[in-house]
Every structure is written in C-alpha cells, then in structure tokens.
C-alpha cells in the first residue's frame, strides 16, 4: 500500500517555503552571508572578518546600558524649518518622511542609565536620520546631555555617526559646533569625564567640534573619520594622500585617538575606564 504519490524521483508540495526577507545578510567586506540572529548576538559585528555593521542609538543603548534600562532626555525637543528651505524637496517634507521611516524625531538621542552599575549619560547619533546630520535639535539634545552630566557629576559619552552639519538649517546648524564645544569646556572645568566614541562615519562639523574633544577619544575598527572628503583635501593641498589616511587605524597611529575598541568589547572597556576615573570626579 502506497502512503504517498511518487512523481518521478521528486516529492512536490503545494506550498513552497519562502525564505524570510532579511534573514541572511551579506557582509560587505567579504561578500559572504551571515544569519541575522548571529549578527544581533554579536553586537552586529561579523565574527569572521570583524566587519562592524552600522547600527543606531537603539542598538548602542542595548549594548551599553544594564538590562537596556535608561531614562531618555530631550525627546520633547523637535526639529523645525525656520528657513523654509527647499532643495530637491522641502526640508519640512524631508523631516516628515524621515521621521515616519525611522520612527525617530531627529538624529540624536540621549539616555541616562547604568553600565555595570556605574552611572553614565550617553548621547548617540543615528546616521539613518538625514545622514546623522547635526542640526539645531542635535545640538540642543547634546547640550542637555552635557548639562545633566554636569549637574549630577555623571560621566558623559557621545557616540558620533554623522555626515556633518545639516545645511538645510544653514548657520543655525553651524552654531551647534560652538555651542557644544563651549558646553564641553564647562564639563572639563568641573572635572567630569567626557568620552567620545567615533563610529563609521564621523565627518564634517561633528569631527571639527565635539567628536575630537573627548578626555578619551575612542573609535570602532575601520571607522571613517575626517573633516572634508579625500577629493577636496587633494585639490586643496595639491598632493596625493596616504592610503587609508581617514581610517581609525591611521588616526590611532598618528596620535589622534587614544584607542580603538571593538563593539563586542565596548561595555567591558568602558566599565574598566570609568572605574579608573571614578575617584577623580566622585564627590
């Protein structure tokens, strides 16, 4: 007695199984694929090549804060379009579309929580929101993070990930460079530690201001860090540039960074650093 019908040597099913979209992710560095779950468990770092995928504030907060518990600051501050700016589309329209797509209100979030029991303020940028550009809201939220760290004598970390100033806000955006730098000077005078973590990419006005002002300047492996692009620099100085001159590794070799930390070791390295610093700022 036959329990199933043979069709040649193949067994056919009425409903073929489809591979869920986004389940397997291609690693740009190697061209190989890796399961999404494995990436999430490894902090979005390819365990074979060490390639660091770009992540946003939600993922960084989950990595850093104990049990992903934190209080968010500054979320009530929202972007506006004071110049009624228009390029390929209206800035107001661009903001609305980006907010709906990313489920974020702007390119920076601030969280206050604990890292292995140590209080820490973290301001994190997100490249998904208009290239992580620094506009008025980003500057104000960073200022709020600095003020909170100063008031409560809690160390601050800013995670930079940006294409630079948000030129749809013109000079209002450029003013954030001076604003955040002045705020950080107050933090320095009070002896409260500031740790800057530069991720891929950290460029433009962000590099020219708060990203490079840390008491400790850290970076992720392979991160692109610089002010202007290679083409602009080459045209300005009229000479060829060294290979990889804007990578984290090159900057570390030439003294612009204190150390490079893989994302999978970030929480442990931060905890160790903060414990070493605690007696300096605790009161």
C-alpha atoms as a PDB file:
ATOM      1  CA  UNK A   1       0.000   0.000   0.000  1.00  0.00           C
ATOM      2  CA  UNK A   2       1.406   3.387  -1.010  1.00  0.00           C
ATOM      3  CA  UNK A   3       1.131   6.191   1.594  1.00  0.00           C
ATOM      4  CA  UNK A   4       2.233   8.966  -0.784  1.00  0.00           C
ATOM      5  CA  UNK A   5       2.272   9.555  -4.528  1.00  0.00           C
ATOM      6  CA  UNK A   6       5.612   9.432  -6.269  1.00  0.00           C
ATOM      7  CA  UNK A   7       6.229  11.811  -9.164  1.00  0.00           C
ATOM      8  CA  UNK A   8       9.425  10.591 -10.736  1.00  0.00           C
ATOM      9  CA  UNK A   9      12.169  10.965  -8.147  1.00  0.00           C
ATOM     10  CA  UNK A  10      10.905  14.288  -6.697  1.00  0.00           C
ATOM     11  CA  UNK A  11       8.443  14.977  -3.914  1.00  0.00           C
ATOM     12  CA  UNK A  12       6.372  18.073  -4.659  1.00  0.00           C
ATOM     13  CA  UNK A  13       4.499  20.248  -2.173  1.00  0.00           C
ATOM     14  CA  UNK A  14       1.587  22.526  -2.928  1.00  0.00           C
ATOM     15  CA  UNK A  15       3.009  25.496  -0.976  1.00  0.00           C
ATOM     16  CA  UNK A  16       6.767  26.095  -1.413  1.00  0.00           C
ATOM     17  CA  UNK A  17       8.543  27.569   1.619  1.00  0.00           C
ATOM     18  CA  UNK A  18       9.891  31.071   1.134  1.00  0.00           C
ATOM     19  CA  UNK A  19      12.986  32.465   2.840  1.00  0.00           C
ATOM     20  CA  UNK A  20      12.006  35.388   5.114  1.00  0.00           C
ATOM     21  CA  UNK A  21      13.374  38.680   3.799  1.00  0.00           C
ATOM     22  CA  UNK A  22      16.420  39.967   5.669  1.00  0.00           C
ATOM     23  CA  UNK A  23      17.124  36.647   7.391  1.00  0.00           C
ATOM     24  CA  UNK A  24      20.560  36.348   5.747  1.00  0.00           C
ATOM     25  CA  UNK A  25      22.755  39.442   5.453  1.00  0.00           C
ATOM     26  CA  UNK A  26      25.695  39.975   3.128  1.00  0.00           C
ATOM     27  CA  UNK A  27      28.965  41.117   4.705  1.00  0.00           C
ATOM     28  CA  UNK A  28      30.379  43.955   2.517  1.00  0.00           C
ATOM     29  CA  UNK A  29      33.967  43.192   3.498  1.00  0.00           C
ATOM     30  CA  UNK A  30      33.949  39.535   2.449  1.00  0.00           C
ATOM     31  CA  UNK A  31      30.869  39.048   0.268  1.00  0.00           C
ATOM     32  CA  UNK A  32      29.773  36.139   2.459  1.00  0.00           C
ATOM     33  CA  UNK A  33      26.365  35.879   4.132  1.00  0.00           C
ATOM     34  CA  UNK A  34      25.611  35.581   7.824  1.00  0.00           C
ATOM     35  CA  UNK A  35      22.416  34.845   9.712  1.00  0.00           C
ATOM     36  CA  UNK A  36      20.746  37.920  11.170  1.00  0.00           C
ATOM     37  CA  UNK A  37      20.393  36.293  14.594  1.00  0.00           C
ATOM     38  CA  UNK A  38      24.134  35.627  14.782  1.00  0.00           C
ATOM     39  CA  UNK A  39      24.849  39.284  13.977  1.00  0.00           C
ATOM     40  CA  UNK A  40      22.454  40.531  16.648  1.00  0.00           C
ATOM     41  CA  UNK A  41      24.004  38.228  19.249  1.00  0.00           C
ATOM     42  CA  UNK A  42      27.466  39.511  18.280  1.00  0.00           C
ATOM     43  CA  UNK A  43      26.565  43.236  18.508  1.00  0.00           C
ATOM     44  CA  UNK A  44      26.218  43.482  14.704  1.00  0.00           C
ATOM     45  CA  UNK A  45      29.857  42.519  14.151  1.00  0.00           C
ATOM     46  CA  UNK A  46      30.797  39.781  11.689  1.00  0.00           C
ATOM     47  CA  UNK A  47      32.638  37.196  13.846  1.00  0.00           C
ATOM     48  CA  UNK A  48      34.829  36.077  10.933  1.00  0.00           C
ATOM     49  CA  UNK A  49      36.069  39.337   9.407  1.00  0.00           C
ATOM     50  CA  UNK A  50      35.377  41.726  12.293  1.00  0.00           C
ATOM     51  CA  UNK A  51      33.361  43.994   9.992  1.00  0.00           C
ATOM     52  CA  UNK A  52      31.222  46.415  12.024  1.00  0.00           C
ATOM     53  CA  UNK A  53      27.764  46.947  10.568  1.00  0.00           C
ATOM     54  CA  UNK A  54      26.290  50.399  11.096  1.00  0.00           C
ATOM     55  CA  UNK A  55      23.826  50.494  13.985  1.00  0.00           C
ATOM     56  CA  UNK A  56      21.812  53.238  15.657  1.00  0.00           C
ATOM     57  CA  UNK A  57      21.008  54.565  19.109  1.00  0.00           C
ATOM     58  CA  UNK A  58      18.594  51.742  19.994  1.00  0.00           C
ATOM     59  CA  UNK A  59      21.294  49.123  19.436  1.00  0.00           C
ATOM     60  CA  UNK A  60      24.028  51.095  21.219  1.00  0.00           C
ATOM     61  CA  UNK A  61      21.805  51.706  24.244  1.00  0.00           C
ATOM     62  CA  UNK A  62      21.028  47.978  24.363  1.00  0.00           C
ATOM     63  CA  UNK A  63      24.754  47.159  24.292  1.00  0.00           C
ATOM     64  CA  UNK A  64      25.794  49.733  26.902  1.00  0.00           C
ATOM     65  CA  UNK A  65      23.030  50.090  29.482  1.00  0.00           C
ATOM     66  CA  UNK A  66      22.388  47.351  32.038  1.00  0.00           C
ATOM     67  CA  UNK A  67      19.284  45.386  31.002  1.00  0.00           C
ATOM     68  CA  UNK A  68      18.669  48.116  28.390  1.00  0.00           C
ATOM     69  CA  UNK A  69      17.181  50.332  31.099  1.00  0.00           C
ATOM     70  CA  UNK A  70      17.608  54.088  30.740  1.00  0.00           C
ATOM     71  CA  UNK A  71      15.826  57.409  31.085  1.00  0.00           C
ATOM     72  CA  UNK A  72      15.592  59.367  27.849  1.00  0.00           C
ATOM     73  CA  UNK A  73      16.203  63.125  27.893  1.00  0.00           C
ATOM     74  CA  UNK A  74      15.356  65.815  25.360  1.00  0.00           C
ATOM     75  CA  UNK A  75      12.834  63.816  23.329  1.00  0.00           C
ATOM     76  CA  UNK A  76      10.377  66.711  23.614  1.00  0.00           C
ATOM     77  CA  UNK A  77      12.677  68.935  21.506  1.00  0.00           C
ATOM     78  CA  UNK A  78      11.583  68.635  17.881  1.00  0.00           C
ATOM     79  CA  UNK A  79      13.013  69.989  14.597  1.00  0.00           C
ATOM     80  CA  UNK A  80      11.531  72.942  12.727  1.00  0.00           C
ATOM     81  CA  UNK A  81      12.080  74.582   9.349  1.00  0.00           C
ATOM     82  CA  UNK A  82      12.854  78.223  10.231  1.00  0.00           C
ATOM     83  CA  UNK A  83      14.307  78.983   6.765  1.00  0.00           C
ATOM     84  CA  UNK A  84      11.563  77.291   4.718  1.00  0.00           C
ATOM     85  CA  UNK A  85      14.434  75.541   2.971  1.00  0.00           C
ATOM     86  CA  UNK A  86      13.969  73.748  -0.349  1.00  0.00           C
ATOM     87  CA  UNK A  87      16.479  71.730  -2.365  1.00  0.00           C
ATOM     88  CA  UNK A  88      15.236  68.622  -4.184  1.00  0.00           C
ATOM     89  CA  UNK A  89      12.275  68.730  -1.834  1.00  0.00           C
ATOM     90  CA  UNK A  90      11.053  70.865   1.045  1.00  0.00           C
ATOM     91  CA  UNK A  91      13.006  70.403   4.272  1.00  0.00           C
ATOM     92  CA  UNK A  92       9.726  70.099   6.189  1.00  0.00           C
ATOM     93  CA  UNK A  93       8.707  67.252   3.879  1.00  0.00           C
ATOM     94  CA  UNK A  94      12.091  65.587   4.281  1.00  0.00           C
ATOM     95  CA  UNK A  95      11.773  65.740   8.064  1.00  0.00           C
ATOM     96  CA  UNK A  96       8.277  64.261   7.984  1.00  0.00           C
ATOM     97  CA  UNK A  97       9.287  61.410   5.676  1.00  0.00           C
ATOM     98  CA  UNK A  98      12.405  60.588   7.667  1.00  0.00           C
ATOM     99  CA  UNK A  99      10.543  60.591  10.980  1.00  0.00           C
ATOM    100  CA  UNK A 100       7.979  58.157   9.616  1.00  0.00           C
ATOM    101  CA  UNK A 101      10.634  55.911   8.087  1.00  0.00           C
ATOM    102  CA  UNK A 102      12.999  55.763  11.072  1.00  0.00           C
ATOM    103  CA  UNK A 103      10.441  56.143  13.902  1.00  0.00           C
ATOM    104  CA  UNK A 104      12.804  58.782  15.303  1.00  0.00           C
ATOM    105  CA  UNK A 105      12.257  62.509  15.807  1.00  0.00           C
ATOM    106  CA  UNK A 106      15.830  63.580  14.972  1.00  0.00           C
ATOM    107  CA  UNK A 107      19.386  62.327  14.557  1.00  0.00           C
ATOM    108  CA  UNK A 108      20.397  62.116  18.233  1.00  0.00           C
ATOM    109  CA  UNK A 109      19.006  60.527  21.375  1.00  0.00           C
ATOM    110  CA  UNK A 110      20.125  60.908  24.989  1.00  0.00           C
ATOM    111  CA  UNK A 111      19.880  58.184  27.586  1.00  0.00           C
ATOM    112  CA  UNK A 112      20.823  58.122  31.276  1.00  0.00           C
ATOM    113  CA  UNK A 113      21.395  54.745  32.869  1.00  0.00           C
ATOM    114  CA  UNK A 114      23.973  52.428  34.363  1.00  0.00           C
ATOM    115  CA  UNK A 115      26.799  50.446  32.794  1.00  0.00           C
ATOM    116  CA  UNK A 116      27.722  47.554  35.104  1.00  0.00           C
ATOM    117  CA  UNK A 117      26.319  49.605  37.973  1.00  0.00           C
ATOM    118  CA  UNK A 118      28.130  52.861  37.085  1.00  0.00           C
ATOM    119  CA  UNK A 119      26.055  55.938  36.184  1.00  0.00           C
ATOM    120  CA  UNK A 120      26.560  57.154  32.618  1.00  0.00           C
ATOM    121  CA  UNK A 121      24.988  59.676  30.243  1.00  0.00           C
ATOM    122  CA  UNK A 122      25.066  58.588  26.612  1.00  0.00           C
ATOM    123  CA  UNK A 123      24.215  60.844  23.656  1.00  0.00           C
ATOM    124  CA  UNK A 124      24.086  58.801  20.474  1.00  0.00           C
ATOM    125  CA  UNK A 125      23.738  59.939  16.865  1.00  0.00           C
ATOM    126  CA  UNK A 126      21.967  57.923  14.186  1.00  0.00           C
ATOM    127  CA  UNK A 127      23.057  58.015  10.536  1.00  0.00           C
ATOM    128  CA  UNK A 128      19.640  56.825   9.353  1.00  0.00           C
ATOM    129  CA  UNK A 129      18.189  60.267  10.116  1.00  0.00           C
ATOM    130  CA  UNK A 130      19.330  62.524   7.250  1.00  0.00           C
ATOM    131  CA  UNK A 131      22.855  61.148   7.386  1.00  0.00           C
ATOM    132  CA  UNK A 132      23.166  61.767  11.121  1.00  0.00           C
ATOM    133  CA  UNK A 133      23.467  65.453  10.285  1.00  0.00           C
ATOM    134  CA  UNK A 134      23.947  67.960  13.090  1.00  0.00           C
ATOM    135  CA  UNK A 135      21.063  70.407  13.224  1.00  0.00           C
ATOM    136  CA  UNK A 136      19.615  72.566  15.976  1.00  0.00           C
ATOM    137  CA  UNK A 137      17.863  69.668  17.711  1.00  0.00           C
ATOM    138  CA  UNK A 138      21.000  67.540  17.741  1.00  0.00           C
ATOM    139  CA  UNK A 139      22.943  70.447  19.272  1.00  0.00           C
ATOM    140  CA  UNK A 140      20.286  71.096  21.894  1.00  0.00           C
ATOM    141  CA  UNK A 141      19.967  67.444  22.873  1.00  0.00           C
ATOM    142  CA  UNK A 142      23.734  67.186  23.229  1.00  0.00           C
ATOM    143  CA  UNK A 143      23.676  70.338  25.359  1.00  0.00           C
ATOM    144  CA  UNK A 144      21.033  68.724  27.573  1.00  0.00           C
ATOM    145  CA  UNK A 145      23.215  65.642  27.972  1.00  0.00           C
ATOM    146  CA  UNK A 146      26.183  67.794  28.976  1.00  0.00           C
ATOM    147  CA  UNK A 147      24.089  69.827  31.434  1.00  0.00           C
ATOM    148  CA  UNK A 148      22.760  66.645  33.040  1.00  0.00           C
ATOM    149  CA  UNK A 149      26.250  65.185  33.375  1.00  0.00           C
ATOM    150  CA  UNK A 150      27.495  68.465  34.861  1.00  0.00           C
ATOM    151  CA  UNK A 151      24.632  68.806  37.345  1.00  0.00           C
ATOM    152  CA  UNK A 152      24.790  65.233  38.627  1.00  0.00           C
ATOM    153  CA  UNK A 153      28.569  64.728  38.235  1.00  0.00           C
ATOM    154  CA  UNK A 154      27.985  61.754  35.925  1.00  0.00           C
ATOM    155  CA  UNK A 155      30.454  60.901  33.144  1.00  0.00           C
ATOM    156  CA  UNK A 156      29.300  61.548  29.596  1.00  0.00           C
ATOM    157  CA  UNK A 157      29.804  59.612  26.400  1.00  0.00           C
ATOM    158  CA  UNK A 158      28.880  60.921  22.941  1.00  0.00           C
ATOM    159  CA  UNK A 159      28.682  58.380  20.120  1.00  0.00           C
ATOM    160  CA  UNK A 160      29.249  60.180  16.822  1.00  0.00           C
ATOM    161  CA  UNK A 161      27.935  58.923  13.499  1.00  0.00           C
ATOM    162  CA  UNK A 162      27.420  61.761  11.071  1.00  0.00           C
ATOM    163  CA  UNK A 163      27.969  63.234   7.642  1.00  0.00           C
ATOM    164  CA  UNK A 164      28.434  66.663   9.236  1.00  0.00           C
ATOM    165  CA  UNK A 165      26.347  69.798   9.662  1.00  0.00           C
ATOM    166  CA  UNK A 166      22.744  69.859   8.445  1.00  0.00           C
ATOM    167  CA  UNK A 167      22.962  72.550   5.809  1.00  0.00           C
ATOM    168  CA  UNK A 168      19.175  72.771   5.423  1.00  0.00           C
ATOM    169  CA  UNK A 169      19.445  74.815   8.631  1.00  0.00           C
ATOM    170  CA  UNK A 170      22.398  76.890   7.386  1.00  0.00           C
ATOM    171  CA  UNK A 171      24.156  78.950  10.066  1.00  0.00           C
ATOM    172  CA  UNK A 172      21.809  77.587  12.756  1.00  0.00           C
ATOM    173  CA  UNK A 173      23.445  74.225  12.200  1.00  0.00           C
ATOM    174  CA  UNK A 174      26.997  75.607  12.202  1.00  0.00           C
ATOM    175  CA  UNK A 175      26.296  77.369  15.513  1.00  0.00           C
ATOM    176  CA  UNK A 176      25.978  73.961  17.170  1.00  0.00           C
ATOM    177  CA  UNK A 177      29.721  73.441  16.797  1.00  0.00           C
ATOM    178  CA  UNK A 178      30.493  76.399  19.070  1.00  0.00           C
ATOM    179  CA  UNK A 179      27.568  75.669  21.379  1.00  0.00           C
ATOM    180  CA  UNK A 180      28.516  72.076  22.137  1.00  0.00           C
ATOM    181  CA  UNK A 181      32.222  72.892  22.388  1.00  0.00           C
ATOM    182  CA  UNK A 182      31.539  75.650  24.930  1.00  0.00           C
ATOM    183  CA  UNK A 183      29.342  73.302  26.962  1.00  0.00           C
ATOM    184  CA  UNK A 184      32.059  70.650  26.984  1.00  0.00           C
ATOM    185  CA  UNK A 185      34.545  73.239  28.262  1.00  0.00           C
ATOM    186  CA  UNK A 186      32.331  73.667  31.353  1.00  0.00           C
ATOM    187  CA  UNK A 187      32.321  69.907  31.826  1.00  0.00           C
ATOM    188  CA  UNK A 188      36.102  69.897  31.630  1.00  0.00           C
ATOM    189  CA  UNK A 189      36.388  72.691  34.196  1.00  0.00           C
ATOM    190  CA  UNK A 190      34.205  70.687  36.584  1.00  0.00           C
ATOM    191  CA  UNK A 191      36.397  67.615  36.156  1.00  0.00           C
ATOM    192  CA  UNK A 192      33.597  65.401  34.846  1.00  0.00           C
ATOM    193  CA  UNK A 193      34.901  62.861  32.305  1.00  0.00           C
ATOM    194  CA  UNK A 194      33.817  63.024  28.666  1.00  0.00           C
ATOM    195  CA  UNK A 195      34.373  60.010  26.420  1.00  0.00           C
ATOM    196  CA  UNK A 196      33.977  60.406  22.658  1.00  0.00           C
ATOM    197  CA  UNK A 197      33.301  57.302  20.568  1.00  0.00           C
ATOM    198  CA  UNK A 198      33.664  57.793  16.817  1.00  0.00           C
ATOM    199  CA  UNK A 199      31.904  55.303  14.555  1.00  0.00           C
ATOM    200  CA  UNK A 200      31.590  54.979  10.796  1.00  0.00           C
ATOM    201  CA  UNK A 201      31.339  57.677   9.524  1.00  0.00           C
ATOM    202  CA  UNK A 202      32.316  60.656  11.674  1.00  0.00           C
ATOM    203  CA  UNK A 203      32.907  63.627   9.408  1.00  0.00           C
ATOM    204  CA  UNK A 204      32.428  67.358   8.820  1.00  0.00           C
ATOM    205  CA  UNK A 205      31.440  69.739  11.579  1.00  0.00           C
ATOM    206  CA  UNK A 206      30.967  66.913  14.073  1.00  0.00           C
ATOM    207  CA  UNK A 207      34.636  65.947  13.743  1.00  0.00           C
ATOM    208  CA  UNK A 208      35.579  69.638  13.890  1.00  0.00           C
ATOM    209  CA  UNK A 209      33.818  70.066  17.235  1.00  0.00           C
ATOM    210  CA  UNK A 210      32.691  67.687  19.967  1.00  0.00           C
ATOM    211  CA  UNK A 211      33.835  64.392  18.414  1.00  0.00           C
ATOM    212  CA  UNK A 212      37.515  65.270  18.872  1.00  0.00           C
ATOM    213  CA  UNK A 213      37.204  66.978  22.261  1.00  0.00           C
ATOM    214  CA  UNK A 214      36.971  63.915  24.489  1.00  0.00           C
ATOM    215  CA  UNK A 215      39.126  63.358  27.525  1.00  0.00           C
ATOM    216  CA  UNK A 216      39.357  59.983  25.825  1.00  0.00           C
ATOM    217  CA  UNK A 217      38.839  59.674  22.075  1.00  0.00           C
ATOM    218  CA  UNK A 218      37.792  56.179  21.054  1.00  0.00           C
ATOM    219  CA  UNK A 219      36.802  54.675  17.717  1.00  0.00           C
ATOM    220  CA  UNK A 220      35.413  51.471  16.304  1.00  0.00           C
ATOM    221  CA  UNK A 221      37.658  49.433  13.987  1.00  0.00           C
ATOM    222  CA  UNK A 222      37.672  50.621  10.391  1.00  0.00           C
ATOM    223  CA  UNK A 223      35.640  53.752  11.094  1.00  0.00           C
ATOM    224  CA  UNK A 224      35.903  56.602   8.583  1.00  0.00           C
ATOM    225  CA  UNK A 225      36.891  59.735  10.492  1.00  0.00           C
ATOM    226  CA  UNK A 226      37.722  63.087   8.926  1.00  0.00           C
ATOM    227  CA  UNK A 227      36.607  66.616   8.163  1.00  0.00           C
ATOM    228  CA  UNK A 228      36.499  67.002   4.374  1.00  0.00           C
ATOM    229  CA  UNK A 229      36.445  64.247   1.779  1.00  0.00           C
ATOM    230  CA  UNK A 230      39.656  62.961   0.119  1.00  0.00           C
ATOM    231  CA  UNK A 231      38.904  64.697  -3.198  1.00  0.00           C
ATOM    232  CA  UNK A 232      38.501  68.109  -1.550  1.00  0.00           C
ATOM    233  CA  UNK A 233      41.677  67.663   0.504  1.00  0.00           C
ATOM    234  CA  UNK A 234      43.656  66.515  -2.533  1.00  0.00           C
ATOM    235  CA  UNK A 235      42.540  69.564  -4.526  1.00  0.00           C
ATOM    236  CA  UNK A 236      43.348  71.884  -1.618  1.00  0.00           C
ATOM    237  CA  UNK A 237      46.865  70.688  -0.823  1.00  0.00           C
ATOM    238  CA  UNK A 238      47.720  69.599  -4.369  1.00  0.00           C
ATOM    239  CA  UNK A 239      49.273  66.264  -3.461  1.00  0.00           C
ATOM    240  CA  UNK A 240      48.356  62.593  -3.208  1.00  0.00           C
ATOM    241  CA  UNK A 241      47.143  61.258   0.113  1.00  0.00           C
ATOM    242  CA  UNK A 242      48.314  58.147   2.006  1.00  0.00           C
ATOM    243  CA  UNK A 243      46.141  55.063   1.696  1.00  0.00           C
ATOM    244  CA  UNK A 244      43.576  54.815   4.470  1.00  0.00           C
ATOM    245  CA  UNK A 245      44.522  58.172   5.941  1.00  0.00           C
ATOM    246  CA  UNK A 246      40.988  58.752   7.271  1.00  0.00           C
ATOM    247  CA  UNK A 247      40.576  55.372   8.960  1.00  0.00           C
ATOM    248  CA  UNK A 248      40.536  54.876  12.708  1.00  0.00           C
ATOM    249  CA  UNK A 249      43.703  52.805  12.469  1.00  0.00           C
ATOM    250  CA  UNK A 250      45.623  55.579  10.699  1.00  0.00           C
ATOM    251  CA  UNK A 251      44.446  58.184  13.222  1.00  0.00           C
ATOM    252  CA  UNK A 252      45.443  55.962  16.136  1.00  0.00           C
ATOM    253  CA  UNK A 253      48.908  55.526  14.651  1.00  0.00           C
ATOM    254  CA  UNK A 254      49.272  59.313  14.328  1.00  0.00           C
ATOM    255  CA  UNK A 255      48.051  60.190  17.815  1.00  0.00           C
ATOM    256  CA  UNK A 256      44.516  61.436  17.164  1.00  0.00           C
ATOM    257  CA  UNK A 257      42.866  58.559  19.032  1.00  0.00           C
ATOM    258  CA  UNK A 258      43.540  57.003  22.426  1.00  0.00           C
ATOM    259  CA  UNK A 259      42.446  53.518  21.453  1.00  0.00           C
ATOM    260  CA  UNK A 260      40.249  51.505  19.116  1.00  0.00           C
ATOM    261  CA  UNK A 261      37.678  49.272  20.742  1.00  0.00           C
ATOM    262  CA  UNK A 262      35.686  46.509  19.002  1.00  0.00           C
ATOM    263  CA  UNK A 263      31.963  46.848  19.652  1.00  0.00           C
ATOM    264  CA  UNK A 264      31.821  43.409  21.251  1.00  0.00           C
ATOM    265  CA  UNK A 265      34.255  44.621  23.928  1.00  0.00           C
ATOM    266  CA  UNK A 266      32.833  48.132  24.291  1.00  0.00           C
ATOM    267  CA  UNK A 267      30.911  47.656  27.527  1.00  0.00           C
ATOM    268  CA  UNK A 268      33.804  45.936  29.275  1.00  0.00           C
ATOM    269  CA  UNK A 269      36.376  48.528  28.177  1.00  0.00           C
ATOM    270  CA  UNK A 270      34.119  51.419  29.167  1.00  0.00           C
ATOM    271  CA  UNK A 271      33.468  49.889  32.580  1.00  0.00           C
ATOM    272  CA  UNK A 272      37.183  49.446  33.188  1.00  0.00           C
ATOM    273  CA  UNK A 273      37.911  53.030  32.125  1.00  0.00           C
ATOM    274  CA  UNK A 274      35.127  54.506  34.259  1.00  0.00           C
ATOM    275  CA  UNK A 275      36.266  52.577  37.327  1.00  0.00           C
ATOM    276  CA  UNK A 276      39.756  54.009  36.889  1.00  0.00           C
ATOM    277  CA  UNK A 277      38.285  57.513  36.666  1.00  0.00           C
ATOM    278  CA  UNK A 278      35.708  57.289  39.444  1.00  0.00           C
ATOM    279  CA  UNK A 279      37.893  58.608  42.249  1.00  0.00           C
ATOM    280  CA  UNK A 280      38.780  61.661  40.129  1.00  0.00           C
ATOM    281  CA  UNK A 281      35.258  63.026  39.732  1.00  0.00           C
ATOM    282  CA  UNK A 282      33.224  61.389  42.521  1.00  0.00           C
ATOM    283  CA  UNK A 283      32.279  63.750  45.317  1.00  0.00           C
END
